[in-house]
């Protein structure tokens, strides 16, 4: 996976995330993680739940949810505080 910073300001930080296989991230106590699918499809695993995701869909992972795993081939926008 590759993760490139797109922009940052006082309100949020946004990354372009390209996954081809697996990627592990964390929603810590300081920030939620918002994922918006630009292309492709994957599954997102967090706290024992597995959610499918494809182009045009979004998933919101609340702050303090801990580790999440993305499996598949997908391009995403990842937004955090």
PDB file of N, CA and C in Angstrom:
ATOM      1  N   UNK A   1       0.846  -1.194   0.000  1.00  0.00           N
ATOM      2  CA  UNK A   1       0.000   0.000   0.000  1.00  0.00           C
ATOM      3  C   UNK A   1       0.881   1.244   0.000  1.00  0.00           C
ATOM      4  N   UNK A   2       0.372   2.293  -0.621  1.00  0.00           N
ATOM      5  CA  UNK A   2       1.043   3.587  -0.564  1.00  0.00           C
ATOM      6  C   UNK A   2       0.076   4.603   0.019  1.00  0.00           C
ATOM      7  N   UNK A   3       0.624   5.541   0.778  1.00  0.00           N
ATOM      8  CA  UNK A   3      -0.180   6.573   1.442  1.00  0.00           C
ATOM      9  C   UNK A   3       0.522   7.903   1.221  1.00  0.00           C
ATOM     10  N   UNK A   4      -0.158   8.818   0.507  1.00  0.00           N
ATOM     11  CA  UNK A   4       0.437  10.110   0.179  1.00  0.00           C
ATOM     12  C   UNK A   4      -0.412  11.240   0.756  1.00  0.00           C
ATOM     13  N   UNK A   5       0.244  12.164   1.441  1.00  0.00           N
ATOM     14  CA  UNK A   5      -0.439  13.320   2.007  1.00  0.00           C
ATOM     15  C   UNK A   5      -0.940  14.213   0.881  1.00  0.00           C
ATOM     16  N   UNK A   6      -2.237  14.539   0.892  1.00  0.00           N
ATOM     17  CA  UNK A   6      -2.809  15.454  -0.095  1.00  0.00           C
ATOM     18  C   UNK A   6      -2.898  16.874   0.447  1.00  0.00           C
ATOM     19  N   UNK A   7      -3.413  16.998   1.686  1.00  0.00           N
ATOM     20  CA  UNK A   7      -3.542  18.320   2.294  1.00  0.00           C
ATOM     21  C   UNK A   7      -3.702  18.192   3.796  1.00  0.00           C
ATOM     22  N   UNK A   8      -3.361  19.257   4.494  1.00  0.00           N
ATOM     23  CA  UNK A   8      -3.566  19.303   5.930  1.00  0.00           C
ATOM     24  C   UNK A   8      -3.868  20.736   6.328  1.00  0.00           C
ATOM     25  N   UNK A   9      -4.700  20.886   7.353  1.00  0.00           N
ATOM     26  CA  UNK A   9      -5.029  22.206   7.900  1.00  0.00           C
ATOM     27  C   UNK A   9      -5.406  22.020   9.366  1.00  0.00           C
ATOM     28  N   UNK A  10      -5.888  23.058  10.004  1.00  0.00           N
ATOM     29  CA  UNK A  10      -6.263  22.970  11.418  1.00  0.00           C
ATOM     30  C   UNK A  10      -7.439  22.027  11.650  1.00  0.00           C
ATOM     31  N   UNK A  11      -8.261  21.798  10.628  1.00  0.00           N
ATOM     32  CA  UNK A  11      -9.489  21.026  10.797  1.00  0.00           C
ATOM     33  C   UNK A  11      -9.381  19.553  10.425  1.00  0.00           C
ATOM     34  N   UNK A  12      -8.529  19.223   9.451  1.00  0.00           N
ATOM     35  CA  UNK A  12      -8.425  17.836   9.006  1.00  0.00           C
ATOM     36  C   UNK A  12      -7.133  17.602   8.233  1.00  0.00           C
ATOM     37  N   UNK A  13      -6.827  16.318   8.023  1.00  0.00           N
ATOM     38  CA  UNK A  13      -5.720  15.884   7.180  1.00  0.00           C
ATOM     39  C   UNK A  13      -6.264  14.849   6.208  1.00  0.00           C
ATOM     40  N   UNK A  14      -5.871  14.948   4.932  1.00  0.00           N
ATOM     41  CA  UNK A  14      -6.371  14.027   3.922  1.00  0.00           C
ATOM     42  C   UNK A  14      -5.211  13.359   3.187  1.00  0.00           C
ATOM     43  N   UNK A  15      -5.345  12.036   3.012  1.00  0.00           N
ATOM     44  CA  UNK A  15      -4.353  11.226   2.324  1.00  0.00           C
ATOM     45  C   UNK A  15      -4.991  10.505   1.143  1.00  0.00           C
ATOM     46  N   UNK A  16      -4.189  10.234   0.126  1.00  0.00           N
ATOM     47  CA  UNK A  16      -4.577   9.306  -0.925  1.00  0.00           C
ATOM     48  C   UNK A  16      -3.968   7.963  -0.538  1.00  0.00           C
ATOM     49  N   UNK A  17      -4.803   6.953  -0.452  1.00  0.00           N
ATOM     50  CA  UNK A  17      -4.369   5.624  -0.027  1.00  0.00           C
ATOM     51  C   UNK A  17      -4.650   4.644  -1.152  1.00  0.00           C
ATOM     52  N   UNK A  18      -3.601   3.984  -1.643  1.00  0.00           N
ATOM     53  CA  UNK A  18      -3.732   2.971  -2.695  1.00  0.00           C
ATOM     54  C   UNK A  18      -3.338   1.629  -2.096  1.00  0.00           C
ATOM     55  N   UNK A  19      -4.296   0.715  -2.053  1.00  0.00           N
ATOM     56  CA  UNK A  19      -4.079  -0.599  -1.450  1.00  0.00           C
ATOM     57  C   UNK A  19      -4.171  -1.660  -2.539  1.00  0.00           C
ATOM     58  N   UNK A  20      -3.187  -2.537  -2.569  1.00  0.00           N
ATOM     59  CA  UNK A  20      -3.199  -3.706  -3.444  1.00  0.00           C
ATOM     60  C   UNK A  20      -2.708  -4.872  -2.594  1.00  0.00           C
ATOM     61  N   UNK A  21      -3.614  -5.443  -1.832  1.00  0.00           N
ATOM     62  CA  UNK A  21      -3.264  -6.480  -0.859  1.00  0.00           C
ATOM     63  C   UNK A  21      -3.887  -6.129   0.473  1.00  0.00           C
ATOM     64  N   UNK A  22      -3.044  -5.767   1.440  1.00  0.00           N
ATOM     65  CA  UNK A  22      -3.540  -5.447   2.781  1.00  0.00           C
ATOM     66  C   UNK A  22      -2.894  -4.170   3.304  1.00  0.00           C
ATOM     67  N   UNK A  23      -3.655  -3.419   4.109  1.00  0.00           N
ATOM     68  CA  UNK A  23      -3.174  -2.199   4.764  1.00  0.00           C
ATOM     69  C   UNK A  23      -3.769  -2.170   6.158  1.00  0.00           C
ATOM     70  N   UNK A  24      -2.964  -1.845   7.147  1.00  0.00           N
ATOM     71  CA  UNK A  24      -3.427  -1.735   8.525  1.00  0.00           C
ATOM     72  C   UNK A  24      -3.306  -0.296   8.987  1.00  0.00           C
ATOM     73  N   UNK A  25      -4.381   0.226   9.535  1.00  0.00           N
ATOM     74  CA  UNK A  25      -4.391   1.576  10.087  1.00  0.00           C
ATOM     75  C   UNK A  25      -4.990   1.564  11.477  1.00  0.00           C
ATOM     76  N   UNK A  26      -5.053   2.746  12.106  1.00  0.00           N
ATOM     77  CA  UNK A  26      -5.583   2.856  13.460  1.00  0.00           C
ATOM     78  C   UNK A  26      -6.457   4.092  13.593  1.00  0.00           C
ATOM     79  N   UNK A  27      -7.608   3.905  14.213  1.00  0.00           N
ATOM     80  CA  UNK A  27      -8.456   5.019  14.626  1.00  0.00           C
ATOM     81  C   UNK A  27      -8.214   5.183  16.131  1.00  0.00           C
ATOM     82  N   UNK A  28      -7.308   6.103  16.484  1.00  0.00           N
ATOM     83  CA  UNK A  28      -6.927   6.260  17.893  1.00  0.00           C
ATOM     84  C   UNK A  28      -7.904   7.177  18.638  1.00  0.00           C
ATOM     85  N   UNK A  29      -7.582   7.478  19.877  1.00  0.00           N
ATOM     86  CA  UNK A  29      -8.466   8.297  20.706  1.00  0.00           C
ATOM     87  C   UNK A  29      -8.516   9.750  20.245  1.00  0.00           C
ATOM     88  N   UNK A  30      -7.590  10.156  19.385  1.00  0.00           N
ATOM     89  CA  UNK A  30      -7.529  11.543  18.945  1.00  0.00           C
ATOM     90  C   UNK A  30      -8.334  11.817  17.674  1.00  0.00           C
ATOM     91  N   UNK A  31      -8.652  10.768  16.881  1.00  0.00           N
ATOM     92  CA  UNK A  31      -9.293  11.033  15.599  1.00  0.00           C
ATOM     93  C   UNK A  31     -10.083   9.851  15.060  1.00  0.00           C
ATOM     94  N   UNK A  32     -11.174  10.167  14.398  1.00  0.00           N
ATOM     95  CA  UNK A  32     -11.890   9.212  13.563  1.00  0.00           C
ATOM     96  C   UNK A  32     -11.071   8.955  12.298  1.00  0.00           C
ATOM     97  N   UNK A  33     -11.502   7.996  11.480  1.00  0.00           N
ATOM     98  CA  UNK A  33     -10.949   7.788  10.141  1.00  0.00           C
ATOM     99  C   UNK A  33     -12.137   7.680   9.192  1.00  0.00           C
ATOM    100  N   UNK A  34     -12.157   8.514   8.179  1.00  0.00           N
ATOM    101  CA  UNK A  34     -13.181   8.471   7.150  1.00  0.00           C
ATOM    102  C   UNK A  34     -12.540   7.975   5.858  1.00  0.00           C
ATOM    103  N   UNK A  35     -13.129   6.944   5.256  1.00  0.00           N
ATOM    104  CA  UNK A  35     -12.609   6.350   4.026  1.00  0.00           C
ATOM    105  C   UNK A  35     -13.627   6.540   2.912  1.00  0.00           C
ATOM    106  N   UNK A  36     -13.206   7.062   1.767  1.00  0.00           N
ATOM    107  CA  UNK A  36     -14.048   7.243   0.591  1.00  0.00           C
ATOM    108  C   UNK A  36     -13.394   6.501  -0.575  1.00  0.00           C
ATOM    109  N   UNK A  37     -14.116   5.537  -1.150  1.00  0.00           N
ATOM    110  CA  UNK A  37     -13.576   4.711  -2.231  1.00  0.00           C
ATOM    111  C   UNK A  37     -13.650   5.454  -3.561  1.00  0.00           C
ATOM    112  N   UNK A  38     -12.504   5.601  -4.208  1.00  0.00           N
ATOM    113  CA  UNK A  38     -12.422   6.263  -5.510  1.00  0.00           C
ATOM    114  C   UNK A  38     -12.454   5.268  -6.664  1.00  0.00           C
ATOM    115  N   UNK A  39     -11.868   4.092  -6.455  1.00  0.00           N
ATOM    116  CA  UNK A  39     -11.763   3.074  -7.503  1.00  0.00           C
ATOM    117  C   UNK A  39     -11.467   1.738  -6.856  1.00  0.00           C
ATOM    118  N   UNK A  40     -12.066   0.661  -7.372  1.00  0.00           N
ATOM    119  CA  UNK A  40     -11.766  -0.680  -6.888  1.00  0.00           C
ATOM    120  C   UNK A  40     -12.741  -1.159  -5.833  1.00  0.00           C
ATOM    121  N   UNK A  41     -12.325  -2.209  -5.112  1.00  0.00           N
ATOM    122  CA  UNK A  41     -13.153  -2.753  -4.036  1.00  0.00           C
ATOM    123  C   UNK A  41     -12.280  -3.444  -2.998  1.00  0.00           C
ATOM    124  N   UNK A  42     -12.846  -3.597  -1.791  1.00  0.00           N
ATOM    125  CA  UNK A  42     -12.099  -4.181  -0.677  1.00  0.00           C
ATOM    126  C   UNK A  42     -13.063  -4.609   0.416  1.00  0.00           C
ATOM    127  N   UNK A  43     -12.486  -5.132   1.489  1.00  0.00           N
ATOM    128  CA  UNK A  43     -13.211  -5.295   2.746  1.00  0.00           C
ATOM    129  C   UNK A  43     -12.453  -4.510   3.804  1.00  0.00           C
ATOM    130  N   UNK A  44     -13.192  -4.003   4.779  1.00  0.00           N
ATOM    131  CA  UNK A  44     -12.599  -3.285   5.905  1.00  0.00           C
ATOM    132  C   UNK A  44     -12.993  -4.034   7.171  1.00  0.00           C
ATOM    133  N   UNK A  45     -11.992  -4.473   7.925  1.00  0.00           N
ATOM    134  CA  UNK A  45     -12.219  -5.204   9.173  1.00  0.00           C
ATOM    135  C   UNK A  45     -11.887  -4.300  10.348  1.00  0.00           C
ATOM    136  N   UNK A  46     -12.809  -4.227  11.312  1.00  0.00           N
ATOM    137  CA  UNK A  46     -12.579  -3.420  12.513  1.00  0.00           C
ATOM    138  C   UNK A  46     -13.462  -3.953  13.636  1.00  0.00           C
ATOM    139  N   UNK A  47     -12.871  -4.181  14.786  1.00  0.00           N
ATOM    140  CA  UNK A  47     -13.602  -4.645  15.974  1.00  0.00           C
ATOM    141  C   UNK A  47     -14.459  -5.876  15.712  1.00  0.00           C
ATOM    142  N   UNK A  48     -13.940  -6.818  14.935  1.00  0.00           N
ATOM    143  CA  UNK A  48     -14.660  -8.056  14.680  1.00  0.00           C
ATOM    144  C   UNK A  48     -15.695  -7.981  13.565  1.00  0.00           C
ATOM    145  N   UNK A  49     -15.921  -6.805  12.994  1.00  0.00           N
ATOM    146  CA  UNK A  49     -16.861  -6.646  11.882  1.00  0.00           C
ATOM    147  C   UNK A  49     -16.097  -6.534  10.571  1.00  0.00           C
ATOM    148  N   UNK A  50     -16.660  -7.106   9.508  1.00  0.00           N
ATOM    149  CA  UNK A  50     -16.091  -6.990   8.176  1.00  0.00           C
ATOM    150  C   UNK A  50     -17.118  -6.350   7.261  1.00  0.00           C
ATOM    151  N   UNK A  51     -16.722  -5.246   6.613  1.00  0.00           N
ATOM    152  CA  UNK A  51     -17.628  -4.505   5.754  1.00  0.00           C
ATOM    153  C   UNK A  51     -17.077  -4.463   4.332  1.00  0.00           C
ATOM    154  N   UNK A  52     -17.876  -4.820   3.322  1.00  0.00           N
ATOM    155  CA  UNK A  52     -17.427  -4.675   1.945  1.00  0.00           C
ATOM    156  C   UNK A  52     -17.464  -3.202   1.541  1.00  0.00           C
ATOM    157  N   UNK A  53     -16.612  -2.818   0.603  1.00  0.00           N
ATOM    158  CA  UNK A  53     -16.560  -1.433   0.148  1.00  0.00           C
ATOM    159  C   UNK A  53     -16.169  -1.422  -1.325  1.00  0.00           C
ATOM    160  N   UNK A  54     -16.843  -0.563  -2.116  1.00  0.00           N
ATOM    161  CA  UNK A  54     -16.512  -0.422  -3.528  1.00  0.00           C
ATOM    162  C   UNK A  54     -16.599   1.043  -3.931  1.00  0.00           C
ATOM    163  N   UNK A  55     -16.191   1.322  -5.160  1.00  0.00           N
ATOM    164  CA  UNK A  55     -16.158   2.677  -5.696  1.00  0.00           C
ATOM    165  C   UNK A  55     -17.448   3.435  -5.372  1.00  0.00           C
ATOM    166  N   UNK A  56     -17.280   4.658  -4.849  1.00  0.00           N
ATOM    167  CA  UNK A  56     -18.415   5.525  -4.532  1.00  0.00           C
ATOM    168  C   UNK A  56     -18.938   5.390  -3.119  1.00  0.00           C
ATOM    169  N   UNK A  57     -18.492   4.382  -2.375  1.00  0.00           N
ATOM    170  CA  UNK A  57     -18.970   4.167  -1.016  1.00  0.00           C
ATOM    171  C   UNK A  57     -18.001   4.760   0.000  1.00  0.00           C
ATOM    172  N   UNK A  58     -18.504   4.993   1.213  1.00  0.00           N
ATOM    173  CA  UNK A  58     -17.649   5.509   2.281  1.00  0.00           C
ATOM    174  C   UNK A  58     -17.907   4.741   3.566  1.00  0.00           C
ATOM    175  N   UNK A  59     -16.896   4.722   4.401  1.00  0.00           N
ATOM    176  CA  UNK A  59     -16.982   4.094   5.723  1.00  0.00           C
ATOM    177  C   UNK A  59     -16.400   5.061   6.729  1.00  0.00           C
ATOM    178  N   UNK A  60     -17.110   5.246   7.843  1.00  0.00           N
ATOM    179  CA  UNK A  60     -16.660   6.107   8.940  1.00  0.00           C
ATOM    180  C   UNK A  60     -16.277   5.206  10.106  1.00  0.00           C
ATOM    181  N   UNK A  61     -15.033   5.307  10.560  1.00  0.00           N
ATOM    182  CA  UNK A  61     -14.549   4.528  11.694  1.00  0.00           C
ATOM    183  C   UNK A  61     -14.389   5.502  12.859  1.00  0.00           C
ATOM    184  N   UNK A  62     -15.204   5.352  13.912  1.00  0.00           N
ATOM    185  CA  UNK A  62     -15.159   6.297  15.030  1.00  0.00           C
ATOM    186  C   UNK A  62     -13.807   6.315  15.745  1.00  0.00           C
ATOM    187  N   UNK A  63     -13.510   7.451  16.355  1.00  0.00           N
ATOM    188  CA  UNK A  63     -12.299   7.583  17.164  1.00  0.00           C
ATOM    189  C   UNK A  63     -12.291   6.489  18.228  1.00  0.00           C
ATOM    190  N   UNK A  64     -11.094   6.049  18.572  1.00  0.00           N
ATOM    191  CA  UNK A  64     -10.861   5.047  19.605  1.00  0.00           C
ATOM    192  C   UNK A  64     -11.381   3.661  19.232  1.00  0.00           C
ATOM    193  N   UNK A  65     -11.563   3.398  17.934  1.00  0.00           N
ATOM    194  CA  UNK A  65     -11.993   2.070  17.487  1.00  0.00           C
ATOM    195  C   UNK A  65     -10.823   1.102  17.371  1.00  0.00           C
ATOM    196  N   UNK A  66      -9.608   1.639  17.378  1.00  0.00           N
ATOM    197  CA  UNK A  66      -8.425   0.789  17.307  1.00  0.00           C
ATOM    198  C   UNK A  66      -8.029   0.458  15.888  1.00  0.00           C
ATOM    199  N   UNK A  67      -7.400  -0.704  15.737  1.00  0.00           N
ATOM    200  CA  UNK A  67      -6.842  -1.114  14.454  1.00  0.00           C
ATOM    201  C   UNK A  67      -7.942  -1.507  13.468  1.00  0.00           C
ATOM    202  N   UNK A  68      -7.735  -1.132  12.201  1.00  0.00           N
ATOM    203  CA  UNK A  68      -8.598  -1.604  11.123  1.00  0.00           C
ATOM    204  C   UNK A  68      -7.702  -2.136  10.003  1.00  0.00           C
ATOM    205  N   UNK A  69      -8.237  -3.081   9.235  1.00  0.00           N
ATOM    206  CA  UNK A  69      -7.477  -3.709   8.158  1.00  0.00           C
ATOM    207  C   UNK A  69      -8.283  -3.609   6.863  1.00  0.00           C
ATOM    208  N   UNK A  70      -7.625  -3.117   5.820  1.00  0.00           N
ATOM    209  CA  UNK A  70      -8.226  -3.044   4.493  1.00  0.00           C
ATOM    210  C   UNK A  70      -7.591  -4.152   3.650  1.00  0.00           C
ATOM    211  N   UNK A  71      -8.426  -4.987   3.042  1.00  0.00           N
ATOM    212  CA  UNK A  71      -7.961  -6.075   2.170  1.00  0.00           C
ATOM    213  C   UNK A  71      -8.604  -5.930   0.799  1.00  0.00           C
ATOM    214  N   UNK A  72      -7.786  -5.860  -0.245  1.00  0.00           N
ATOM    215  CA  UNK A  72      -8.314  -5.782  -1.599  1.00  0.00           C
ATOM    216  C   UNK A  72      -7.455  -4.896  -2.474  1.00  0.00           C
ATOM    217  N   UNK A  73      -8.040  -4.460  -3.572  1.00  0.00           N
ATOM    218  CA  UNK A  73      -7.370  -3.549  -4.499  1.00  0.00           C
ATOM    219  C   UNK A  73      -8.282  -2.340  -4.644  1.00  0.00           C
ATOM    220  N   UNK A  74      -7.877  -1.219  -4.040  1.00  0.00           N
ATOM    221  CA  UNK A  74      -8.739  -0.042  -3.963  1.00  0.00           C
ATOM    222  C   UNK A  74      -7.922   1.225  -3.809  1.00  0.00           C
ATOM    223  N   UNK A  75      -8.447   2.324  -4.356  1.00  0.00           N
ATOM    224  CA  UNK A  75      -7.904   3.662  -4.154  1.00  0.00           C
ATOM    225  C   UNK A  75      -8.891   4.421  -3.285  1.00  0.00           C
ATOM    226  N   UNK A  76      -8.387   5.039  -2.212  1.00  0.00           N
ATOM    227  CA  UNK A  76      -9.228   5.705  -1.233  1.00  0.00           C
ATOM    228  C   UNK A  76      -8.752   7.106  -0.907  1.00  0.00           C
ATOM    229  N   UNK A  77      -9.674   7.924  -0.420  1.00  0.00           N
ATOM    230  CA  UNK A  77      -9.313   9.142   0.302  1.00  0.00           C
ATOM    231  C   UNK A  77      -9.507   8.827   1.777  1.00  0.00           C
ATOM    232  N   UNK A  78      -8.472   9.068   2.570  1.00  0.00           N
ATOM    233  CA  UNK A  78      -8.524   8.841   4.015  1.00  0.00           C
ATOM    234  C   UNK A  78      -8.450  10.189   4.709  1.00  0.00           C
ATOM    235  N   UNK A  79      -9.470  10.499   5.520  1.00  0.00           N
ATOM    236  CA  UNK A  79      -9.517  11.785   6.219  1.00  0.00           C
ATOM    237  C   UNK A  79      -9.487  11.548   7.725  1.00  0.00           C
ATOM    238  N   UNK A  80      -8.642  12.316   8.421  1.00  0.00           N
ATOM    239  CA  UNK A  80      -8.527  12.257   9.880  1.00  0.00           C
ATOM    240  C   UNK A  80      -8.463  13.679  10.426  1.00  0.00           C
ATOM    241  N   UNK A  81      -8.527  13.792  11.739  1.00  0.00           N
ATOM    242  CA  UNK A  81      -8.330  15.107  12.376  1.00  0.00           C
ATOM    243  C   UNK A  81      -6.872  15.429  12.469  1.00  0.00           C
TER     244      UNK A  81
END
